[in-house]
């Protein structure tokens, strides 16, 4: 996947923080024209591990 697309998805996941994978995928498809799979949206939506 192109780096710029990864960055765009990462930015948009902060806009839709709290959305589940299905809702996030639908928003990215409907409002932003990003045809991505639910699994990709799920990965982008994961929180990084907390720092120790």
C-alpha atoms as a PDB file:
ATOM      1  CA  UNK A   1       0.000   0.000   0.000  1.00  0.00           C
ATOM      2  CA  UNK A   2       1.346   3.474  -0.840  1.00  0.00           C
ATOM      3  CA  UNK A   3       2.807   5.385   2.107  1.00  0.00           C
ATOM      4  CA  UNK A   4       0.603   8.420   1.430  1.00  0.00           C
ATOM      5  CA  UNK A   5      -2.508   6.217   1.633  1.00  0.00           C
ATOM      6  CA  UNK A   6      -1.343   4.769   4.948  1.00  0.00           C
ATOM      7  CA  UNK A   7      -0.819   8.278   6.295  1.00  0.00           C
ATOM      8  CA  UNK A   8      -4.255   9.398   5.097  1.00  0.00           C
ATOM      9  CA  UNK A   9      -5.944   6.423   6.754  1.00  0.00           C
ATOM     10  CA  UNK A  10      -4.018   7.009   9.979  1.00  0.00           C
ATOM     11  CA  UNK A  11      -5.090  10.673  10.021  1.00  0.00           C
ATOM     12  CA  UNK A  12      -8.718   9.777   9.369  1.00  0.00           C
ATOM     13  CA  UNK A  13      -8.804   7.179  12.136  1.00  0.00           C
ATOM     14  CA  UNK A  14      -8.172   9.965  14.634  1.00  0.00           C
ATOM     15  CA  UNK A  15     -11.143  11.826  13.143  1.00  0.00           C
ATOM     16  CA  UNK A  16     -13.329   8.762  13.661  1.00  0.00           C
ATOM     17  CA  UNK A  17     -11.842   7.662  16.987  1.00  0.00           C
ATOM     18  CA  UNK A  18     -14.203   5.350  18.831  1.00  0.00           C
ATOM     19  CA  UNK A  19     -15.769   3.925  15.662  1.00  0.00           C
ATOM     20  CA  UNK A  20     -15.746   0.148  15.409  1.00  0.00           C
ATOM     21  CA  UNK A  21     -14.077  -1.538  12.429  1.00  0.00           C
ATOM     22  CA  UNK A  22     -17.266  -1.828  10.388  1.00  0.00           C
ATOM     23  CA  UNK A  23     -18.348   1.778  10.946  1.00  0.00           C
ATOM     24  CA  UNK A  24     -14.838   3.069  10.257  1.00  0.00           C
ATOM     25  CA  UNK A  25     -14.638   1.104   7.001  1.00  0.00           C
ATOM     26  CA  UNK A  26     -18.032   2.474   5.886  1.00  0.00           C
ATOM     27  CA  UNK A  27     -17.030   6.084   6.656  1.00  0.00           C
ATOM     28  CA  UNK A  28     -13.736   5.760   4.806  1.00  0.00           C
ATOM     29  CA  UNK A  29     -15.551   4.299   1.790  1.00  0.00           C
ATOM     30  CA  UNK A  30     -18.590   6.584   1.706  1.00  0.00           C
ATOM     31  CA  UNK A  31     -17.108   9.938   2.675  1.00  0.00           C
ATOM     32  CA  UNK A  32     -13.512   9.633   1.526  1.00  0.00           C
ATOM     33  CA  UNK A  33     -13.682   7.221  -1.416  1.00  0.00           C
ATOM     34  CA  UNK A  34     -11.178   4.833   0.155  1.00  0.00           C
ATOM     35  CA  UNK A  35     -11.981   1.282  -0.901  1.00  0.00           C
ATOM     36  CA  UNK A  36     -10.270  -0.591   1.895  1.00  0.00           C
ATOM     37  CA  UNK A  37     -11.123  -3.860   3.591  1.00  0.00           C
ATOM     38  CA  UNK A  38     -12.408  -4.064   7.144  1.00  0.00           C
ATOM     39  CA  UNK A  39      -9.222  -5.819   8.288  1.00  0.00           C
ATOM     40  CA  UNK A  40      -7.102  -2.889   7.107  1.00  0.00           C
ATOM     41  CA  UNK A  41      -9.346  -0.432   8.924  1.00  0.00           C
ATOM     42  CA  UNK A  42      -9.101  -2.587  12.047  1.00  0.00           C
ATOM     43  CA  UNK A  43      -5.316  -2.469  11.922  1.00  0.00           C
ATOM     44  CA  UNK A  44      -5.295   1.281  11.429  1.00  0.00           C
ATOM     45  CA  UNK A  45      -7.711   1.703  14.307  1.00  0.00           C
ATOM     46  CA  UNK A  46      -5.567  -0.184  16.852  1.00  0.00           C
ATOM     47  CA  UNK A  47      -4.050   1.766  19.695  1.00  0.00           C
ATOM     48  CA  UNK A  48      -0.294   1.476  20.195  1.00  0.00           C
ATOM     49  CA  UNK A  49       0.792  -0.256  23.404  1.00  0.00           C
ATOM     50  CA  UNK A  50       1.141   2.003  26.418  1.00  0.00           C
ATOM     51  CA  UNK A  51       4.644   3.112  27.312  1.00  0.00           C
ATOM     52  CA  UNK A  52       6.114   1.559  30.400  1.00  0.00           C
END
